[in-house]
All heavy atoms as atom14 arrays in JSON, in Angstrom:
{
  "sequence": "VIERKRGLPVALGMLYIHAARRCGIAVTGIDFPG",
  "atom14_mask": [
    [1, 1, 1, 1, 1, 1, 1, 0, 0, 0, 0, 0, 0, 0],
    [1, 1, 1, 1, 1, 1, 1, 1, 0, 0, 0, 0, 0, 0],
    [1, 1, 1, 1, 1, 1, 1, 1, 1, 0, 0, 0, 0, 0],
    [1, 1, 1, 1, 1, 1, 1, 1, 1, 1, 1, 0, 0, 0],
    [1, 1, 1, 1, 1, 1, 1, 1, 1, 0, 0, 0, 0, 0],
    [1, 1, 1, 1, 1, 1, 1, 1, 1, 1, 1, 0, 0, 0],
    [1, 1, 1, 1, 0, 0, 0, 0, 0, 0, 0, 0, 0, 0],
    [1, 1, 1, 1, 1, 1, 1, 1, 0, 0, 0, 0, 0, 0],
    [1, 1, 1, 1, 1, 1, 1, 0, 0, 0, 0, 0, 0, 0],
    [1, 1, 1, 1, 1, 1, 1, 0, 0, 0, 0, 0, 0, 0],
    [1, 1, 1, 1, 1, 0, 0, 0, 0, 0, 0, 0, 0, 0],
    [1, 1, 1, 1, 1, 1, 1, 1, 0, 0, 0, 0, 0, 0],
    [1, 1, 1, 1, 0, 0, 0, 0, 0, 0, 0, 0, 0, 0],
    [1, 1, 1, 1, 1, 1, 1, 1, 0, 0, 0, 0, 0, 0],
    [1, 1, 1, 1, 1, 1, 1, 1, 0, 0, 0, 0, 0, 0],
    [1, 1, 1, 1, 1, 1, 1, 1, 1, 1, 1, 1, 0, 0],
    [1, 1, 1, 1, 1, 1, 1, 1, 0, 0, 0, 0, 0, 0],
    [1, 1, 1, 1, 1, 1, 1, 1, 1, 1, 0, 0, 0, 0],
    [1, 1, 1, 1, 1, 0, 0, 0, 0, 0, 0, 0, 0, 0],
    [1, 1, 1, 1, 1, 0, 0, 0, 0, 0, 0, 0, 0, 0],
    [1, 1, 1, 1, 1, 1, 1, 1, 1, 1, 1, 0, 0, 0],
    [1, 1, 1, 1, 1, 1, 1, 1, 1, 1, 1, 0, 0, 0],
    [1, 1, 1, 1, 1, 1, 0, 0, 0, 0, 0, 0, 0, 0],
    [1, 1, 1, 1, 0, 0, 0, 0, 0, 0, 0, 0, 0, 0],
    [1, 1, 1, 1, 1, 1, 1, 1, 0, 0, 0, 0, 0, 0],
    [1, 1, 1, 1, 1, 0, 0, 0, 0, 0, 0, 0, 0, 0],
    [1, 1, 1, 1, 1, 1, 1, 0, 0, 0, 0, 0, 0, 0],
    [1, 1, 1, 1, 1, 1, 1, 0, 0, 0, 0, 0, 0, 0],
    [1, 1, 1, 1, 0, 0, 0, 0, 0, 0, 0, 0, 0, 0],
    [1, 1, 1, 1, 1, 1, 1, 1, 0, 0, 0, 0, 0, 0],
    [1, 1, 1, 1, 1, 1, 1, 1, 0, 0, 0, 0, 0, 0],
    [1, 1, 1, 1, 1, 1, 1, 1, 1, 1, 1, 0, 0, 0],
    [1, 1, 1, 1, 1, 1, 1, 0, 0, 0, 0, 0, 0, 0],
    [1, 1, 1, 1, 0, 0, 0, 0, 0, 0, 0, 0, 0, 0]
  ],
  "atom14_positions": [
    [[100.95, 47.83, 136.7], [101.62, 46.7, 137.34], [102.01, 45.66, 136.3], [103.13, 45.12, 136.31], [100.7, 46.07, 138.42], [101.27, 44.74, 138.9], [100.53, 47.03, 139.6], [0.0, 0.0, 0.0], [0.0, 0.0, 0.0], [0.0, 0.0, 0.0], [0.0, 0.0, 0.0], [0.0, 0.0, 0.0], [0.0, 0.0, 0.0], [0.0, 0.0, 0.0]],
    [[101.12, 45.37, 135.37], [101.4, 44.38, 134.33], [102.52, 44.89, 133.42], [103.4, 44.12, 132.99], [100.12, 44.07, 133.53], [99.14, 43.3, 134.42], [100.45, 43.27, 132.27], [97.79, 43.06, 133.79], [0.0, 0.0, 0.0], [0.0, 0.0, 0.0], [0.0, 0.0, 0.0], [0.0, 0.0, 0.0], [0.0, 0.0, 0.0], [0.0, 0.0, 0.0]],
    [[102.5, 46.19, 133.11], [103.55, 46.75, 132.25], [104.89, 46.8, 132.95], [105.93, 46.45, 132.36], [103.15, 48.16, 131.81], [102.02, 48.21, 130.8], [101.63, 49.62, 130.43], [101.76, 50.54, 131.27], [101.2, 49.83, 129.29], [0.0, 0.0, 0.0], [0.0, 0.0, 0.0], [0.0, 0.0, 0.0], [0.0, 0.0, 0.0], [0.0, 0.0, 0.0]],
    [[104.91, 47.23, 134.2], [106.17, 47.43, 134.92], [106.67, 46.15, 135.59], [107.81, 46.06, 136.0], [105.99, 48.52, 135.98], [105.63, 49.88, 135.42], [105.17, 50.85, 136.53], [106.21, 51.1, 137.51], [106.15, 50.71, 138.78], [105.09, 50.03, 139.23], [107.12, 50.98, 139.62], [0.0, 0.0, 0.0], [0.0, 0.0, 0.0], [0.0, 0.0, 0.0]],
    [[105.75, 45.19, 135.77], [106.06, 43.94, 136.46], [106.49, 44.2, 137.91], [107.27, 43.46, 138.49], [107.12, 43.13, 135.71], [106.67, 42.75, 134.31], [107.56, 41.72, 133.67], [107.0, 41.27, 132.32], [107.8, 40.22, 131.68], [0.0, 0.0, 0.0], [0.0, 0.0, 0.0], [0.0, 0.0, 0.0], [0.0, 0.0, 0.0], [0.0, 0.0, 0.0]],
    [[105.94, 45.25, 138.47], [106.16, 45.62, 139.86], [104.85, 46.1, 140.45], [104.05, 46.72, 139.75], [107.21, 46.74, 139.97], [108.62, 46.34, 139.55], [109.22, 45.33, 140.52], [110.58, 44.93, 140.15], [110.89, 43.95, 139.33], [109.91, 43.26, 138.75], [112.14, 43.63, 139.08], [0.0, 0.0, 0.0], [0.0, 0.0, 0.0], [0.0, 0.0, 0.0]],
    [[104.62, 45.82, 141.73], [103.36, 46.25, 142.31], [103.26, 45.98, 143.79], [104.2, 45.48, 144.43], [0.0, 0.0, 0.0], [0.0, 0.0, 0.0], [0.0, 0.0, 0.0], [0.0, 0.0, 0.0], [0.0, 0.0, 0.0], [0.0, 0.0, 0.0], [0.0, 0.0, 0.0], [0.0, 0.0, 0.0], [0.0, 0.0, 0.0], [0.0, 0.0, 0.0]],
    [[102.09, 46.3, 144.33], [101.76, 46.03, 145.73], [101.35, 44.57, 145.9], [100.98, 43.9, 144.93], [100.62, 46.94, 146.17], [100.88, 48.45, 146.17], [99.61, 49.2, 146.53], [101.99, 48.81, 147.15], [0.0, 0.0, 0.0], [0.0, 0.0, 0.0], [0.0, 0.0, 0.0], [0.0, 0.0, 0.0], [0.0, 0.0, 0.0], [0.0, 0.0, 0.0]],
    [[101.35, 44.07, 147.13], [100.96, 42.67, 147.35], [99.58, 42.33, 146.79], [99.4, 41.29, 146.17], [100.99, 42.54, 148.88], [101.99, 43.55, 149.33], [101.84, 44.7, 148.38], [0.0, 0.0, 0.0], [0.0, 0.0, 0.0], [0.0, 0.0, 0.0], [0.0, 0.0, 0.0], [0.0, 0.0, 0.0], [0.0, 0.0, 0.0], [0.0, 0.0, 0.0]],
    [[98.6, 43.22, 147.0], [97.24, 42.91, 146.56], [97.14, 42.92, 145.04], [96.42, 42.09, 144.44], [96.22, 43.87, 147.2], [96.44, 45.31, 146.75], [94.8, 43.43, 146.9], [0.0, 0.0, 0.0], [0.0, 0.0, 0.0], [0.0, 0.0, 0.0], [0.0, 0.0, 0.0], [0.0, 0.0, 0.0], [0.0, 0.0, 0.0], [0.0, 0.0, 0.0]],
    [[97.85, 43.82, 144.37], [97.82, 43.87, 142.91], [98.49, 42.63, 142.32], [97.96, 41.99, 141.4], [98.51, 45.13, 142.41], [0.0, 0.0, 0.0], [0.0, 0.0, 0.0], [0.0, 0.0, 0.0], [0.0, 0.0, 0.0], [0.0, 0.0, 0.0], [0.0, 0.0, 0.0], [0.0, 0.0, 0.0], [0.0, 0.0, 0.0], [0.0, 0.0, 0.0]],
    [[99.65, 42.26, 142.85], [100.33, 41.05, 142.38], [99.5, 39.81, 142.72], [99.46, 38.85, 141.95], [101.71, 40.96, 143.01], [102.71, 42.05, 142.59], [103.94, 42.02, 143.49], [103.12, 41.86, 141.13], [0.0, 0.0, 0.0], [0.0, 0.0, 0.0], [0.0, 0.0, 0.0], [0.0, 0.0, 0.0], [0.0, 0.0, 0.0], [0.0, 0.0, 0.0]],
    [[98.85, 39.85, 143.88], [98.02, 38.72, 144.28], [96.93, 38.42, 143.26], [96.57, 37.26, 143.04], [0.0, 0.0, 0.0], [0.0, 0.0, 0.0], [0.0, 0.0, 0.0], [0.0, 0.0, 0.0], [0.0, 0.0, 0.0], [0.0, 0.0, 0.0], [0.0, 0.0, 0.0], [0.0, 0.0, 0.0], [0.0, 0.0, 0.0], [0.0, 0.0, 0.0]],
    [[96.41, 39.47, 142.62], [95.37, 39.27, 141.61], [95.89, 38.46, 140.43], [95.14, 37.68, 139.83], [94.84, 40.61, 141.14], [93.96, 41.31, 142.15], [93.28, 42.83, 141.46], [92.12, 43.27, 142.76], [0.0, 0.0, 0.0], [0.0, 0.0, 0.0], [0.0, 0.0, 0.0], [0.0, 0.0, 0.0], [0.0, 0.0, 0.0], [0.0, 0.0, 0.0]],
    [[97.15, 38.64, 140.08], [97.73, 37.87, 138.98], [97.77, 36.38, 139.33], [97.44, 35.52, 138.51], [99.14, 38.37, 138.66], [99.3, 39.85, 138.33], [100.76, 40.14, 137.99], [98.39, 40.26, 137.18], [0.0, 0.0, 0.0], [0.0, 0.0, 0.0], [0.0, 0.0, 0.0], [0.0, 0.0, 0.0], [0.0, 0.0, 0.0], [0.0, 0.0, 0.0]],
    [[98.2, 36.09, 140.56], [98.26, 34.7, 141.01], [96.86, 34.09, 141.09], [96.65, 32.93, 140.69], [98.95, 34.62, 142.37], [100.44, 34.81, 142.32], [100.99, 36.09, 142.45], [101.3, 33.74, 142.15], [102.37, 36.28, 142.4], [102.67, 33.92, 142.1], [103.2, 35.19, 142.22], [104.56, 35.37, 142.18], [0.0, 0.0, 0.0], [0.0, 0.0, 0.0]],
    [[95.91, 34.85, 141.62], [94.54, 34.35, 141.75], [93.96, 34.03, 140.37], [93.34, 32.99, 140.16], [93.66, 35.37, 142.5], [94.09, 35.46, 143.97], [92.19, 34.99, 142.41], [93.41, 36.58, 144.74], [0.0, 0.0, 0.0], [0.0, 0.0, 0.0], [0.0, 0.0, 0.0], [0.0, 0.0, 0.0], [0.0, 0.0, 0.0], [0.0, 0.0, 0.0]],
    [[94.17, 34.95, 139.43], [93.63, 34.75, 138.08], [94.22, 33.49, 137.44], [93.48, 32.63, 136.93], [93.95, 35.97, 137.21], [93.48, 35.83, 135.79], [92.22, 36.18, 135.38], [94.11, 35.35, 134.67], [92.08, 35.94, 134.09], [93.21, 35.43, 133.64], [0.0, 0.0, 0.0], [0.0, 0.0, 0.0], [0.0, 0.0, 0.0], [0.0, 0.0, 0.0]],
    [[95.54, 33.36, 137.48], [96.2, 32.22, 136.85], [95.8, 30.92, 137.52], [95.5, 29.92, 136.86], [97.71, 32.41, 136.88], [0.0, 0.0, 0.0], [0.0, 0.0, 0.0], [0.0, 0.0, 0.0], [0.0, 0.0, 0.0], [0.0, 0.0, 0.0], [0.0, 0.0, 0.0], [0.0, 0.0, 0.0], [0.0, 0.0, 0.0], [0.0, 0.0, 0.0]],
    [[95.79, 30.91, 138.86], [95.48, 29.68, 139.59], [94.04, 29.23, 139.34], [93.79, 28.05, 139.06], [95.71, 29.9, 141.09], [0.0, 0.0, 0.0], [0.0, 0.0, 0.0], [0.0, 0.0, 0.0], [0.0, 0.0, 0.0], [0.0, 0.0, 0.0], [0.0, 0.0, 0.0], [0.0, 0.0, 0.0], [0.0, 0.0, 0.0], [0.0, 0.0, 0.0]],
    [[93.11, 30.15, 139.41], [91.71, 29.78, 139.23], [91.43, 29.29, 137.81], [90.61, 28.4, 137.61], [90.8, 30.96, 139.58], [90.75, 31.24, 141.08], [89.85, 32.42, 141.4], [89.77, 32.64, 142.84], [89.13, 33.68, 143.4], [88.54, 34.58, 142.63], [89.1, 33.82, 144.71], [0.0, 0.0, 0.0], [0.0, 0.0, 0.0], [0.0, 0.0, 0.0]],
    [[92.11, 29.87, 136.83], [91.94, 29.41, 135.45], [92.43, 27.97, 135.3], [92.01, 27.27, 134.38], [92.7, 30.33, 134.49], [92.03, 31.66, 134.24], [90.69, 31.49, 133.52], [90.01, 32.73, 133.29], [90.12, 33.45, 132.18], [90.9, 33.01, 131.2], [89.45, 34.57, 132.03], [0.0, 0.0, 0.0], [0.0, 0.0, 0.0], [0.0, 0.0, 0.0]],
    [[93.3, 27.55, 136.2], [93.83, 26.19, 136.15], [93.09, 25.27, 137.13], [93.52, 24.13, 137.36], [95.32, 26.19, 136.48], [96.32, 27.1, 135.28], [0.0, 0.0, 0.0], [0.0, 0.0, 0.0], [0.0, 0.0, 0.0], [0.0, 0.0, 0.0], [0.0, 0.0, 0.0], [0.0, 0.0, 0.0], [0.0, 0.0, 0.0], [0.0, 0.0, 0.0]],
    [[92.01, 25.75, 137.7], [91.24, 24.94, 138.63], [91.85, 24.79, 140.0], [91.5, 23.87, 140.76], [0.0, 0.0, 0.0], [0.0, 0.0, 0.0], [0.0, 0.0, 0.0], [0.0, 0.0, 0.0], [0.0, 0.0, 0.0], [0.0, 0.0, 0.0], [0.0, 0.0, 0.0], [0.0, 0.0, 0.0], [0.0, 0.0, 0.0], [0.0, 0.0, 0.0]],
    [[92.76, 25.68, 140.36], [93.43, 25.63, 141.66], [92.72, 26.56, 142.63], [92.42, 27.71, 142.31], [94.9, 26.05, 141.53], [95.64, 25.11, 140.59], [95.59, 26.12, 142.89], [96.98, 25.63, 140.13], [0.0, 0.0, 0.0], [0.0, 0.0, 0.0], [0.0, 0.0, 0.0], [0.0, 0.0, 0.0], [0.0, 0.0, 0.0], [0.0, 0.0, 0.0]],
    [[92.43, 26.06, 143.82], [91.76, 26.86, 144.84], [92.76, 27.81, 145.48], [93.79, 27.4, 146.01], [91.15, 25.95, 145.91], [0.0, 0.0, 0.0], [0.0, 0.0, 0.0], [0.0, 0.0, 0.0], [0.0, 0.0, 0.0], [0.0, 0.0, 0.0], [0.0, 0.0, 0.0], [0.0, 0.0, 0.0], [0.0, 0.0, 0.0], [0.0, 0.0, 0.0]],
    [[92.46, 29.1, 145.43], [93.33, 30.11, 146.04], [92.45, 31.18, 146.66], [91.43, 31.59, 146.1], [94.3, 30.71, 145.0], [93.55, 31.35, 143.85], [95.26, 31.7, 145.63], [0.0, 0.0, 0.0], [0.0, 0.0, 0.0], [0.0, 0.0, 0.0], [0.0, 0.0, 0.0], [0.0, 0.0, 0.0], [0.0, 0.0, 0.0], [0.0, 0.0, 0.0]],
    [[92.85, 31.65, 147.84], [92.08, 32.63, 148.6], [92.97, 33.76, 149.06], [94.1, 33.52, 149.52], [91.45, 31.96, 149.85], [90.7, 30.8, 149.45], [90.54, 32.92, 150.58], [0.0, 0.0, 0.0], [0.0, 0.0, 0.0], [0.0, 0.0, 0.0], [0.0, 0.0, 0.0], [0.0, 0.0, 0.0], [0.0, 0.0, 0.0], [0.0, 0.0, 0.0]],
    [[92.49, 34.98, 148.96], [93.2, 36.11, 149.52], [93.06, 36.12, 151.03], [91.98, 35.84, 151.55], [0.0, 0.0, 0.0], [0.0, 0.0, 0.0], [0.0, 0.0, 0.0], [0.0, 0.0, 0.0], [0.0, 0.0, 0.0], [0.0, 0.0, 0.0], [0.0, 0.0, 0.0], [0.0, 0.0, 0.0], [0.0, 0.0, 0.0], [0.0, 0.0, 0.0]],
    [[94.14, 36.43, 151.72], [94.13, 36.44, 153.19], [94.47, 37.84, 153.68], [95.51, 38.41, 153.33], [95.14, 35.42, 153.77], [94.77, 34.0, 153.31], [95.2, 35.51, 155.29], [93.43, 33.52, 153.82], [0.0, 0.0, 0.0], [0.0, 0.0, 0.0], [0.0, 0.0, 0.0], [0.0, 0.0, 0.0], [0.0, 0.0, 0.0], [0.0, 0.0, 0.0]],
    [[93.59, 38.37, 154.52], [93.76, 39.72, 155.07], [94.67, 39.66, 156.3], [94.25, 39.93, 157.41], [92.4, 40.3, 155.43], [92.47, 41.76, 155.84], [93.48, 42.42, 155.52], [91.51, 42.25, 156.48], [0.0, 0.0, 0.0], [0.0, 0.0, 0.0], [0.0, 0.0, 0.0], [0.0, 0.0, 0.0], [0.0, 0.0, 0.0], [0.0, 0.0, 0.0]],
    [[95.92, 39.31, 156.07], [96.89, 39.21, 157.16], [97.25, 40.63, 157.62], [97.31, 41.55, 156.79], [98.14, 38.48, 156.68], [99.02, 37.96, 157.78], [98.7, 36.8, 158.44], [100.17, 38.65, 158.15], [99.51, 36.31, 159.46], [100.98, 38.18, 159.17], [100.65, 37.01, 159.83], [0.0, 0.0, 0.0], [0.0, 0.0, 0.0], [0.0, 0.0, 0.0]],
    [[97.48, 40.82, 158.91], [97.79, 42.18, 159.39], [98.95, 42.83, 158.65], [100.06, 42.33, 158.65], [98.14, 41.95, 160.87], [97.37, 40.72, 161.25], [97.39, 39.86, 160.02], [0.0, 0.0, 0.0], [0.0, 0.0, 0.0], [0.0, 0.0, 0.0], [0.0, 0.0, 0.0], [0.0, 0.0, 0.0], [0.0, 0.0, 0.0], [0.0, 0.0, 0.0]],
    [[98.66, 43.94, 157.98], [99.69, 44.74, 157.34], [100.2, 44.23, 156.02], [101.0, 44.91, 155.36], [0.0, 0.0, 0.0], [0.0, 0.0, 0.0], [0.0, 0.0, 0.0], [0.0, 0.0, 0.0], [0.0, 0.0, 0.0], [0.0, 0.0, 0.0], [0.0, 0.0, 0.0], [0.0, 0.0, 0.0], [0.0, 0.0, 0.0], [0.0, 0.0, 0.0]]
  ]
}
């Protein structure tokens, strides 16, 4: 995913979570239907 810059929602979500948390931003994954 990192190499291709393409991925599934959960894989891409991990990038956002990592970056946000490193900056002290509260972010939570949401198990929305589908």
